[in-house]
Amino acid sequence: MDIRCRKQTCVYNDRFTCRAKDININQKVICDKYKKDENKKVEDTTKHLLEKPPAYAPQRDSKALKISCQAKCLFNHNGKCVSNGITLNSVNEKPFCVSFLGK
């Protein structure tokens, strides 16, 4: 499973890869693990996208972390996410799971 996080200000975010031990998407489709790091700066990765691609950390194996979900999502199977990938947004204040598909 591909797990990408665009919340660059999160303490667990390492170049768009989540380093948390577990991830929980709550009923409001928000990642409960998000913890803002006041020292991290948000980099505009689209500004020079055609000149140089953003630096991504190596993808983590989803078996190395627990992914739970309480959202009424098509990919929620008994509290476990069965999607091919999870991406969390960067735009809003809250880290919304953009892989969400309502039932």
PDB file of N, CA and C in Angstrom:
ATOM      1  N   MET A   1       0.841  -1.179   0.000  1.00  0.00           N
ATOM      2  CA  MET A   1       0.000   0.000   0.000  1.00  0.00           C
ATOM      3  C   MET A   1       0.884   1.239   0.000  1.00  0.00           C
ATOM      4  N   ASP A   2       0.567   2.159  -0.868  1.00  0.00           N
ATOM      5  CA  ASP A   2       1.300   3.416  -0.943  1.00  0.00           C
ATOM      6  C   ASP A   2       0.699   4.398   0.063  1.00  0.00           C
ATOM      7  N   ILE A   3       1.504   4.899   0.969  1.00  0.00           N
ATOM      8  CA  ILE A   3       1.039   5.831   1.986  1.00  0.00           C
ATOM      9  C   ILE A   3       1.791   7.142   1.798  1.00  0.00           C
ATOM     10  N   ARG A   4       1.061   8.176   1.418  1.00  0.00           N
ATOM     11  CA  ARG A   4       1.667   9.489   1.195  1.00  0.00           C
ATOM     12  C   ARG A   4       0.952  10.531   2.033  1.00  0.00           C
ATOM     13  N   CYS A   5       1.721  11.407   2.622  1.00  0.00           N
ATOM     14  CA  CYS A   5       1.165  12.479   3.435  1.00  0.00           C
ATOM     15  C   CYS A   5       1.709  13.807   2.942  1.00  0.00           C
ATOM     16  N   ARG A   6       0.807  14.710   2.635  1.00  0.00           N
ATOM     17  CA  ARG A   6       1.198  16.037   2.152  1.00  0.00           C
ATOM     18  C   ARG A   6       1.238  17.065   3.273  1.00  0.00           C
ATOM     19  N   LYS A   7       0.946  16.631   4.508  1.00  0.00           N
ATOM     20  CA  LYS A   7       0.998  17.547   5.647  1.00  0.00           C
ATOM     21  C   LYS A   7       2.453  17.702   6.084  1.00  0.00           C
ATOM     22  N   GLN A   8       3.163  18.601   5.432  1.00  0.00           N
ATOM     23  CA  GLN A   8       4.592  18.792   5.682  1.00  0.00           C
ATOM     24  C   GLN A   8       4.894  19.290   7.084  1.00  0.00           C
ATOM     25  N   THR A   9       3.900  19.837   7.769  1.00  0.00           N
ATOM     26  CA  THR A   9       4.121  20.367   9.118  1.00  0.00           C
ATOM     27  C   THR A   9       3.956  19.317  10.212  1.00  0.00           C
ATOM     28  N   CYS A  10       3.627  18.073   9.847  1.00  0.00           N
ATOM     29  CA  CYS A  10       3.432  17.023  10.853  1.00  0.00           C
ATOM     30  C   CYS A  10       4.779  16.482  11.343  1.00  0.00           C
ATOM     31  N   VAL A  11       4.857  16.175  12.620  1.00  0.00           N
ATOM     32  CA  VAL A  11       6.096  15.644  13.195  1.00  0.00           C
ATOM     33  C   VAL A  11       6.466  14.290  12.593  1.00  0.00           C
ATOM     34  N   TYR A  12       5.491  13.549  12.084  1.00  0.00           N
ATOM     35  CA  TYR A  12       5.739  12.221  11.521  1.00  0.00           C
ATOM     36  C   TYR A  12       6.049  12.249  10.019  1.00  0.00           C
ATOM     37  N   ASN A  13       5.959  13.407   9.390  1.00  0.00           N
ATOM     38  CA  ASN A  13       6.163  13.501   7.952  1.00  0.00           C
ATOM     39  C   ASN A  13       7.654  13.612   7.621  1.00  0.00           C
ATOM     40  N   ASP A  14       8.135  12.659   6.826  1.00  0.00           N
ATOM     41  CA  ASP A  14       9.506  12.658   6.347  1.00  0.00           C
ATOM     42  C   ASP A  14       9.458  12.660   4.817  1.00  0.00           C
ATOM     43  N   ARG A  15       9.572  13.829   4.223  1.00  0.00           N
ATOM     44  CA  ARG A  15       9.537  13.975   2.759  1.00  0.00           C
ATOM     45  C   ARG A  15       8.350  13.229   2.147  1.00  0.00           C
ATOM     46  N   PHE A  16       7.150  13.542   2.668  1.00  0.00           N
ATOM     47  CA  PHE A  16       5.865  13.026   2.171  1.00  0.00           C
ATOM     48  C   PHE A  16       5.595  11.564   2.543  1.00  0.00           C
ATOM     49  N   THR A  17       6.395  10.974   3.408  1.00  0.00           N
ATOM     50  CA  THR A  17       6.177   9.616   3.896  1.00  0.00           C
ATOM     51  C   THR A  17       5.932   9.675   5.404  1.00  0.00           C
ATOM     52  N   CYS A  18       4.872   8.982   5.853  1.00  0.00           N
ATOM     53  CA  CYS A  18       4.521   8.975   7.271  1.00  0.00           C
ATOM     54  C   CYS A  18       5.439   8.018   8.032  1.00  0.00           C
ATOM     55  N   ARG A  19       6.000   8.484   9.143  1.00  0.00           N
ATOM     56  CA  ARG A  19       6.880   7.668   9.978  1.00  0.00           C
ATOM     57  C   ARG A  19       6.226   7.279  11.306  1.00  0.00           C
ATOM     58  N   ALA A  20       4.927   7.499  11.430  1.00  0.00           N
ATOM     59  CA  ALA A  20       4.220   7.105  12.657  1.00  0.00           C
ATOM     60  C   ALA A  20       4.136   5.575  12.730  1.00  0.00           C
ATOM     61  N   LYS A  21       4.015   5.046  13.945  1.00  0.00           N
ATOM     62  CA  LYS A  21       3.908   3.596  14.127  1.00  0.00           C
ATOM     63  C   LYS A  21       2.532   3.087  13.725  1.00  0.00           C
ATOM     64  N   ASP A  22       1.535   3.961  13.831  1.00  0.00           N
ATOM     65  CA  ASP A  22       0.186   3.582  13.431  1.00  0.00           C
ATOM     66  C   ASP A  22      -0.543   4.813  12.915  1.00  0.00           C
ATOM     67  N   ILE A  23      -1.564   4.557  12.110  1.00  0.00           N
ATOM     68  CA  ILE A  23      -2.385   5.617  11.540  1.00  0.00           C
ATOM     69  C   ILE A  23      -3.833   5.276  11.844  1.00  0.00           C
ATOM     70  N   ASN A  24      -4.594   6.279  12.276  1.00  0.00           N
ATOM     71  CA  ASN A  24      -6.024   6.085  12.487  1.00  0.00           C
ATOM     72  C   ASN A  24      -6.785   7.195  11.770  1.00  0.00           C
ATOM     73  N   ILE A  25      -7.668   6.792  10.866  1.00  0.00           N
ATOM     74  CA  ILE A  25      -8.548   7.743  10.190  1.00  0.00           C
ATOM     75  C   ILE A  25      -9.878   7.686  10.934  1.00  0.00           C
ATOM     76  N   ASN A  26     -10.296   8.831  11.505  1.00  0.00           N
ATOM     77  CA  ASN A  26     -11.502   8.839  12.337  1.00  0.00           C
ATOM     78  C   ASN A  26     -12.776   8.943  11.492  1.00  0.00           C
ATOM     79  N   GLN A  27     -13.920   9.032  12.152  1.00  0.00           N
ATOM     80  CA  GLN A  27     -15.215   9.072  11.470  1.00  0.00           C
ATOM     81  C   GLN A  27     -15.383  10.301  10.586  1.00  0.00           C
ATOM     82  N   LYS A  28     -14.625  11.362  10.874  1.00  0.00           N
ATOM     83  CA  LYS A  28     -14.698  12.581  10.061  1.00  0.00           C
ATOM     84  C   LYS A  28     -13.676  12.558   8.923  1.00  0.00           C
ATOM     85  N   VAL A  29     -13.033  11.412   8.701  1.00  0.00           N
ATOM     86  CA  VAL A  29     -12.055  11.169   7.627  1.00  0.00           C
ATOM     87  C   VAL A  29     -10.782  12.002   7.837  1.00  0.00           C
ATOM     88  N   ILE A  30     -10.431  12.219   9.098  1.00  0.00           N
ATOM     89  CA  ILE A  30      -9.253  12.992   9.491  1.00  0.00           C
ATOM     90  C   ILE A  30      -8.256  12.055  10.172  1.00  0.00           C
ATOM     91  N   CYS A  31      -6.969  12.230   9.884  1.00  0.00           N
ATOM     92  CA  CYS A  31      -5.927  11.434  10.526  1.00  0.00           C
ATOM     93  C   CYS A  31      -5.736  11.909  11.966  1.00  0.00           C
ATOM     94  N   ASP A  32      -6.003  11.020  12.925  1.00  0.00           N
ATOM     95  CA  ASP A  32      -5.871  11.345  14.351  1.00  0.00           C
ATOM     96  C   ASP A  32      -4.412  11.505  14.788  1.00  0.00           C
ATOM     97  N   LYS A  33      -3.481  10.956  14.027  1.00  0.00           N
ATOM     98  CA  LYS A  33      -2.067  10.978  14.412  1.00  0.00           C
ATOM     99  C   LYS A  33      -1.409  12.330  14.162  1.00  0.00           C
ATOM    100  N   TYR A  34      -2.013  13.164  13.332  1.00  0.00           N
ATOM    101  CA  TYR A  34      -1.397  14.449  12.965  1.00  0.00           C
ATOM    102  C   TYR A  34      -1.043  15.268  14.195  1.00  0.00           C
ATOM    103  N   LYS A  35       0.221  15.644  14.243  1.00  0.00           N
ATOM    104  CA  LYS A  35       0.725  16.487  15.317  1.00  0.00           C
ATOM    105  C   LYS A  35       1.611  17.553  14.682  1.00  0.00           C
ATOM    106  N   LYS A  36       1.200  18.795  14.789  1.00  0.00           N
ATOM    107  CA  LYS A  36       1.913  19.887  14.128  1.00  0.00           C
ATOM    108  C   LYS A  36       3.252  20.183  14.789  1.00  0.00           C
ATOM    109  N   ASP A  37       4.267  20.303  13.950  1.00  0.00           N
ATOM    110  CA  ASP A  37       5.604  20.699  14.388  1.00  0.00           C
ATOM    111  C   ASP A  37       5.784  22.156  13.988  1.00  0.00           C
ATOM    112  N   GLU A  38       5.827  23.034  14.970  1.00  0.00           N
ATOM    113  CA  GLU A  38       5.910  24.477  14.707  1.00  0.00           C
ATOM    114  C   GLU A  38       7.209  24.876  13.993  1.00  0.00           C
ATOM    115  N   ASN A  39       8.244  24.027  14.060  1.00  0.00           N
ATOM    116  CA  ASN A  39       9.531  24.353  13.450  1.00  0.00           C
ATOM    117  C   ASN A  39       9.619  23.978  11.971  1.00  0.00           C
ATOM    118  N   LYS A  40       8.690  23.141  11.503  1.00  0.00           N
ATOM    119  CA  LYS A  40       8.719  22.725  10.100  1.00  0.00           C
ATOM    120  C   LYS A  40       8.087  23.784   9.214  1.00  0.00           C
ATOM    121  N   LYS A  41       8.697  23.995   8.078  1.00  0.00           N
ATOM    122  CA  LYS A  41       8.190  24.966   7.105  1.00  0.00           C
ATOM    123  C   LYS A  41       7.533  24.211   5.954  1.00  0.00           C
ATOM    124  N   VAL A  42       6.509  24.809   5.371  1.00  0.00           N
ATOM    125  CA  VAL A  42       5.825  24.215   4.226  1.00  0.00           C
ATOM    126  C   VAL A  42       6.525  24.685   2.956  1.00  0.00           C
ATOM    127  N   GLU A  43       6.973  23.722   2.187  1.00  0.00           N
ATOM    128  CA  GLU A  43       7.660  24.004   0.935  1.00  0.00           C
ATOM    129  C   GLU A  43       6.661  23.895  -0.211  1.00  0.00           C
ATOM    130  N   ASP A  44       6.663  24.884  -1.112  1.00  0.00           N
ATOM    131  CA  ASP A  44       5.793  24.830  -2.285  1.00  0.00           C
ATOM    132  C   ASP A  44       6.473  23.934  -3.320  1.00  0.00           C
ATOM    133  N   THR A  45       6.065  22.668  -3.355  1.00  0.00           N
ATOM    134  CA  THR A  45       6.713  21.699  -4.243  1.00  0.00           C
ATOM    135  C   THR A  45       6.276  21.850  -5.698  1.00  0.00           C
ATOM    136  N   THR A  46       5.208  22.604  -5.934  1.00  0.00           N
ATOM    137  CA  THR A  46       4.741  22.797  -7.313  1.00  0.00           C
ATOM    138  C   THR A  46       5.427  23.955  -8.014  1.00  0.00           C
ATOM    139  N   LYS A  47       6.078  24.807  -7.253  1.00  0.00           N
ATOM    140  CA  LYS A  47       6.694  26.014  -7.802  1.00  0.00           C
ATOM    141  C   LYS A  47       7.745  25.701  -8.882  1.00  0.00           C
ATOM    142  N   HIS A  48       8.562  24.696  -8.651  1.00  0.00           N
ATOM    143  CA  HIS A  48       9.631  24.331  -9.588  1.00  0.00           C
ATOM    144  C   HIS A  48       9.495  22.884 -10.051  1.00  0.00           C
ATOM    145  N   LEU A  49       8.265  22.408 -10.130  1.00  0.00           N
ATOM    146  CA  LEU A  49       8.001  21.004 -10.430  1.00  0.00           C
ATOM    147  C   LEU A  49       8.613  20.545 -11.751  1.00  0.00           C
ATOM    148  N   LEU A  50       8.590  21.373 -12.767  1.00  0.00           N
ATOM    149  CA  LEU A  50       9.144  20.990 -14.062  1.00  0.00           C
ATOM    150  C   LEU A  50      10.668  21.086 -14.096  1.00  0.00           C
ATOM    151  N   GLU A  51      11.245  21.823 -13.164  1.00  0.00           N
ATOM    152  CA  GLU A  51      12.694  21.965 -13.112  1.00  0.00           C
ATOM    153  C   GLU A  51      13.343  20.841 -12.291  1.00  0.00           C
ATOM    154  N   LYS A  52      12.755  20.558 -11.133  1.00  0.00           N
ATOM    155  CA  LYS A  52      13.263  19.467 -10.289  1.00  0.00           C
ATOM    156  C   LYS A  52      12.113  18.872  -9.499  1.00  0.00           C
ATOM    157  N   PRO A  53      12.016  17.544  -9.467  1.00  0.00           N
ATOM    158  CA  PRO A  53      10.923  16.905  -8.718  1.00  0.00           C
ATOM    159  C   PRO A  53      11.152  17.022  -7.214  1.00  0.00           C
ATOM    160  N   PRO A  54      10.076  16.978  -6.426  1.00  0.00           N
ATOM    161  CA  PRO A  54      10.238  17.015  -4.966  1.00  0.00           C
ATOM    162  C   PRO A  54      10.977  15.772  -4.467  1.00  0.00           C
ATOM    163  N   ALA A  55      11.656  15.905  -3.356  1.00  0.00           N
ATOM    164  CA  ALA A  55      12.363  14.767  -2.758  1.00  0.00           C
ATOM    165  C   ALA A  55      11.374  13.953  -1.933  1.00  0.00           C
ATOM    166  N   TYR A  56      11.240  12.680  -2.273  1.00  0.00           N
ATOM    167  CA  TYR A  56      10.368  11.773  -1.535  1.00  0.00           C
ATOM    168  C   TYR A  56      11.212  10.774  -0.760  1.00  0.00           C
ATOM    169  N   ALA A  57      10.798  10.500   0.477  1.00  0.00           N
ATOM    170  CA  ALA A  57      11.449   9.450   1.260  1.00  0.00           C
ATOM    171  C   ALA A  57      10.995   8.106   0.697  1.00  0.00           C
ATOM    172  N   PRO A  58      11.786   7.052   0.896  1.00  0.00           N
ATOM    173  CA  PRO A  58      11.369   5.724   0.418  1.00  0.00           C
ATOM    174  C   PRO A  58      10.006   5.333   0.997  1.00  0.00           C
ATOM    175  N   GLN A  59       9.241   4.650   0.179  1.00  0.00           N
ATOM    176  CA  GLN A  59       7.914   4.199   0.594  1.00  0.00           C
ATOM    177  C   GLN A  59       8.032   3.187   1.723  1.00  0.00           C
ATOM    178  N   ARG A  60       7.149   3.269   2.699  1.00  0.00           N
ATOM    179  CA  ARG A  60       7.118   2.313   3.805  1.00  0.00           C
ATOM    180  C   ARG A  60       6.200   1.156   3.465  1.00  0.00           C
ATOM    181  N   ASP A  61       6.558  -0.008   3.921  1.00  0.00           N
ATOM    182  CA  ASP A  61       5.695  -1.171   3.760  1.00  0.00           C
ATOM    183  C   ASP A  61       4.539  -1.032   4.740  1.00  0.00           C
ATOM    184  N   SER A  62       3.318  -1.150   4.250  1.00  0.00           N
ATOM    185  CA  SER A  62       2.151  -0.979   5.113  1.00  0.00           C
ATOM    186  C   SER A  62       2.079  -2.042   6.209  1.00  0.00           C
ATOM    187  N   LYS A  63       2.808  -3.146   6.062  1.00  0.00           N
ATOM    188  CA  LYS A  63       2.835  -4.180   7.097  1.00  0.00           C
ATOM    189  C   LYS A  63       3.613  -3.703   8.323  1.00  0.00           C
ATOM    190  N   ALA A  64       4.430  -2.651   8.144  1.00  0.00           N
ATOM    191  CA  ALA A  64       5.243  -2.140   9.236  1.00  0.00           C
ATOM    192  C   ALA A  64       4.470  -1.188  10.147  1.00  0.00           C
ATOM    193  N   LEU A  65       3.245  -0.826   9.761  1.00  0.00           N
ATOM    194  CA  LEU A  65       2.458   0.032  10.619  1.00  0.00           C
ATOM    195  C   LEU A  65       0.997  -0.398  10.606  1.00  0.00           C
ATOM    196  N   LYS A  66       0.314  -0.075  11.677  1.00  0.00           N
ATOM    197  CA  LYS A  66      -1.097  -0.429  11.818  1.00  0.00           C
ATOM    198  C   LYS A  66      -1.937   0.714  11.246  1.00  0.00           C
ATOM    199  N   ILE A  67      -2.845   0.381  10.326  1.00  0.00           N
ATOM    200  CA  ILE A  67      -3.712   1.384   9.722  1.00  0.00           C
ATOM    201  C   ILE A  67      -5.154   1.038  10.073  1.00  0.00           C
ATOM    202  N   SER A  68      -5.762   1.875  10.899  1.00  0.00           N
ATOM    203  CA  SER A  68      -7.155   1.646  11.267  1.00  0.00           C
ATOM    204  C   SER A  68      -8.023   2.782  10.734  1.00  0.00           C
ATOM    205  N   CYS A  69      -9.316   2.488  10.581  1.00  0.00           N
ATOM    206  CA  CYS A  69     -10.224   3.465   9.987  1.00  0.00           C
ATOM    207  C   CYS A  69     -11.617   3.322  10.597  1.00  0.00           C
ATOM    208  N   GLN A  70     -12.209   4.435  10.962  1.00  0.00           N
ATOM    209  CA  GLN A  70     -13.579   4.462  11.458  1.00  0.00           C
ATOM    210  C   GLN A  70     -14.522   5.179  10.498  1.00  0.00           C
ATOM    211  N   ALA A  71     -14.024   5.654   9.365  1.00  0.00           N
ATOM    212  CA  ALA A  71     -14.842   6.389   8.398  1.00  0.00           C
ATOM    213  C   ALA A  71     -15.788   5.442   7.666  1.00  0.00           C
ATOM    214  N   LYS A  72     -16.925   5.971   7.236  1.00  0.00           N
ATOM    215  CA  LYS A  72     -17.871   5.186   6.431  1.00  0.00           C
ATOM    216  C   LYS A  72     -17.382   5.217   4.992  1.00  0.00           C
ATOM    217  N   CYS A  73     -16.337   4.432   4.750  1.00  0.00           N
ATOM    218  CA  CYS A  73     -15.608   4.443   3.490  1.00  0.00           C
ATOM    219  C   CYS A  73     -15.702   3.080   2.816  1.00  0.00           C
ATOM    220  N   LEU A  74     -15.675   3.087   1.511  1.00  0.00           N
ATOM    221  CA  LEU A  74     -15.700   1.863   0.726  1.00  0.00           C
ATOM    222  C   LEU A  74     -14.524   0.948   1.068  1.00  0.00           C
ATOM    223  N   PHE A  75     -13.383   1.535   1.482  1.00  0.00           N
ATOM    224  CA  PHE A  75     -12.177   0.764   1.774  1.00  0.00           C
ATOM    225  C   PHE A  75     -12.066   0.323   3.233  1.00  0.00           C
ATOM    226  N   ASN A  76     -13.028   0.692   4.058  1.00  0.00           N
ATOM    227  CA  ASN A  76     -13.023   0.307   5.466  1.00  0.00           C
ATOM    228  C   ASN A  76     -13.632  -1.087   5.585  1.00  0.00           C
ATOM    229  N   HIS A  77     -12.806  -2.046   5.969  1.00  0.00           N
ATOM    230  CA  HIS A  77     -13.268  -3.418   6.156  1.00  0.00           C
ATOM    231  C   HIS A  77     -13.042  -3.803   7.613  1.00  0.00           C
ATOM    232  N   ASN A  78     -14.120  -3.744   8.404  1.00  0.00           N
ATOM    233  CA  ASN A  78     -14.067  -4.060   9.833  1.00  0.00           C
ATOM    234  C   ASN A  78     -13.009  -3.246  10.581  1.00  0.00           C
ATOM    235  N   GLY A  79     -12.933  -1.949  10.286  1.00  0.00           N
ATOM    236  CA  GLY A  79     -12.008  -1.058  10.985  1.00  0.00           C
ATOM    237  C   GLY A  79     -10.597  -1.041  10.433  1.00  0.00           C
ATOM    238  N   LYS A  80     -10.368  -1.748   9.340  1.00  0.00           N
ATOM    239  CA  LYS A  80      -9.050  -1.818   8.722  1.00  0.00           C
ATOM    240  C   LYS A  80      -9.137  -1.278   7.292  1.00  0.00           C
ATOM    241  N   CYS A  81      -8.173  -0.464   6.887  1.00  0.00           N
ATOM    242  CA  CYS A  81      -8.163   0.100   5.545  1.00  0.00           C
ATOM    243  C   CYS A  81      -7.626  -0.930   4.553  1.00  0.00           C
ATOM    244  N   VAL A  82      -8.389  -1.170   3.476  1.00  0.00           N
ATOM    245  CA  VAL A  82      -7.974  -2.138   2.457  1.00  0.00           C
ATOM    246  C   VAL A  82      -7.726  -1.451   1.103  1.00  0.00           C
ATOM    247  N   SER A  83      -7.497  -0.161   1.119  1.00  0.00           N
ATOM    248  CA  SER A  83      -7.221   0.597  -0.102  1.00  0.00           C
ATOM    249  C   SER A  83      -5.828   0.259  -0.638  1.00  0.00           C
ATOM    250  N   ASN A  84      -5.601   0.531  -1.913  1.00  0.00           N
ATOM    251  CA  ASN A  84      -4.258   0.353  -2.491  1.00  0.00           C
ATOM    252  C   ASN A  84      -3.305   1.451  -2.043  1.00  0.00           C
ATOM    253  N   GLY A  85      -3.855   2.537  -1.530  1.00  0.00           N
ATOM    254  CA  GLY A  85      -3.010   3.632  -1.081  1.00  0.00           C
ATOM    255  C   GLY A  85      -3.799   4.645  -0.279  1.00  0.00           C
ATOM    256  N   ILE A  86      -3.089   5.377   0.546  1.00  0.00           N
ATOM    257  CA  ILE A  86      -3.680   6.440   1.352  1.00  0.00           C
ATOM    258  C   ILE A  86      -2.880   7.708   1.071  1.00  0.00           C
ATOM    259  N   THR A  87      -3.590   8.799   0.803  1.00  0.00           N
ATOM    260  CA  THR A  87      -2.949  10.096   0.646  1.00  0.00           C
ATOM    261  C   THR A  87      -3.693  11.081   1.531  1.00  0.00           C
ATOM    262  N   LEU A  88      -2.952  11.834   2.319  1.00  0.00           N
ATOM    263  CA  LEU A  88      -3.541  12.880   3.154  1.00  0.00           C
ATOM    264  C   LEU A  88      -3.261  14.224   2.510  1.00  0.00           C
ATOM    265  N   ASN A  89      -4.254  15.114   2.551  1.00  0.00           N
ATOM    266  CA  ASN A  89      -4.163  16.395   1.856  1.00  0.00           C
ATOM    267  C   ASN A  89      -3.178  17.365   2.496  1.00  0.00           C
ATOM    268  N   SER A  90      -2.948  18.453   1.798  1.00  0.00           N
ATOM    269  CA  SER A  90      -2.053  19.482   2.318  1.00  0.00           C
ATOM    270  C   SER A  90      -2.755  20.815   2.490  1.00  0.00           C
ATOM    271  N   VAL A  91      -3.895  21.010   1.865  1.00  0.00           N
ATOM    272  CA  VAL A  91      -4.528  22.324   1.775  1.00  0.00           C
ATOM    273  C   VAL A  91      -5.175  22.773   3.083  1.00  0.00           C
ATOM    274  N   ASN A  92      -6.083  22.000   3.610  1.00  0.00           N
ATOM    275  CA  ASN A  92      -6.820  22.406   4.811  1.00  0.00           C
ATOM    276  C   ASN A  92      -5.965  22.267   6.060  1.00  0.00           C
ATOM    277  N   GLU A  93      -6.454  22.849   7.145  1.00  0.00           N
ATOM    278  CA  GLU A  93      -5.752  22.736   8.430  1.00  0.00           C
ATOM    279  C   GLU A  93      -5.716  21.287   8.903  1.00  0.00           C
ATOM    280  N   LYS A  94      -6.815  20.570   8.720  1.00  0.00           N
ATOM    281  CA  LYS A  94      -6.904  19.178   9.159  1.00  0.00           C
ATOM    282  C   LYS A  94      -6.379  18.235   8.072  1.00  0.00           C
ATOM    283  N   PRO A  95      -5.721  17.149   8.467  1.00  0.00           N
ATOM    284  CA  PRO A  95      -5.205  16.177   7.487  1.00  0.00           C
ATOM    285  C   PRO A  95      -6.295  15.212   7.023  1.00  0.00           C
ATOM    286  N   PHE A  96      -6.998  15.576   5.965  1.00  0.00           N
ATOM    287  CA  PHE A  96      -8.104  14.810   5.417  1.00  0.00           C
ATOM    288  C   PHE A  96      -7.590  13.705   4.501  1.00  0.00           C
ATOM    289  N   CYS A  97      -8.151  12.501   4.626  1.00  0.00           N
ATOM    290  CA  CYS A  97      -7.772  11.374   3.772  1.00  0.00           C
ATOM    291  C   CYS A  97      -8.458  11.549   2.417  1.00  0.00           C
ATOM    292  N   VAL A  98      -7.689  11.891   1.382  1.00  0.00           N
ATOM    293  CA  VAL A  98      -8.267  12.127   0.056  1.00  0.00           C
ATOM    294  C   VAL A  98      -8.504  10.833  -0.707  1.00  0.00           C
ATOM    295  N   SER A  99      -8.134   9.700  -0.147  1.00  0.00           N
ATOM    296  CA  SER A  99      -8.417   8.397  -0.737  1.00  0.00           C
ATOM    297  C   SER A  99      -9.829   7.927  -0.390  1.00  0.00           C
ATOM    298  N   PHE A 100     -10.514   8.683   0.454  1.00  0.00           N
ATOM    299  CA  PHE A 100     -11.850   8.349   0.950  1.00  0.00           C
ATOM    300  C   PHE A 100     -12.868   8.253  -0.180  1.00  0.00           C
ATOM    301  N   LEU A 101     -13.633   7.157  -0.185  1.00  0.00           N
ATOM    302  CA  LEU A 101     -14.793   6.985  -1.069  1.00  0.00           C
ATOM    303  C   LEU A 101     -15.954   6.534  -0.189  1.00  0.00           C
ATOM    304  N   GLY A 102     -16.946   7.372  -0.065  1.00  0.00           N
ATOM    305  CA  GLY A 102     -18.089   7.048   0.794  1.00  0.00           C
ATOM    306  C   GLY A 102     -18.847   5.821   0.339  1.00  0.00           C
ATOM    307  N   LYS A 103     -19.407   5.109   1.297  1.00  0.00           N
ATOM    308  CA  LYS A 103     -20.203   3.917   0.991  1.00  0.00           C
ATOM    309  C   LYS A 103     -21.556   4.328   0.425  1.00  0.00           C
TER     310      LYS A 103
END
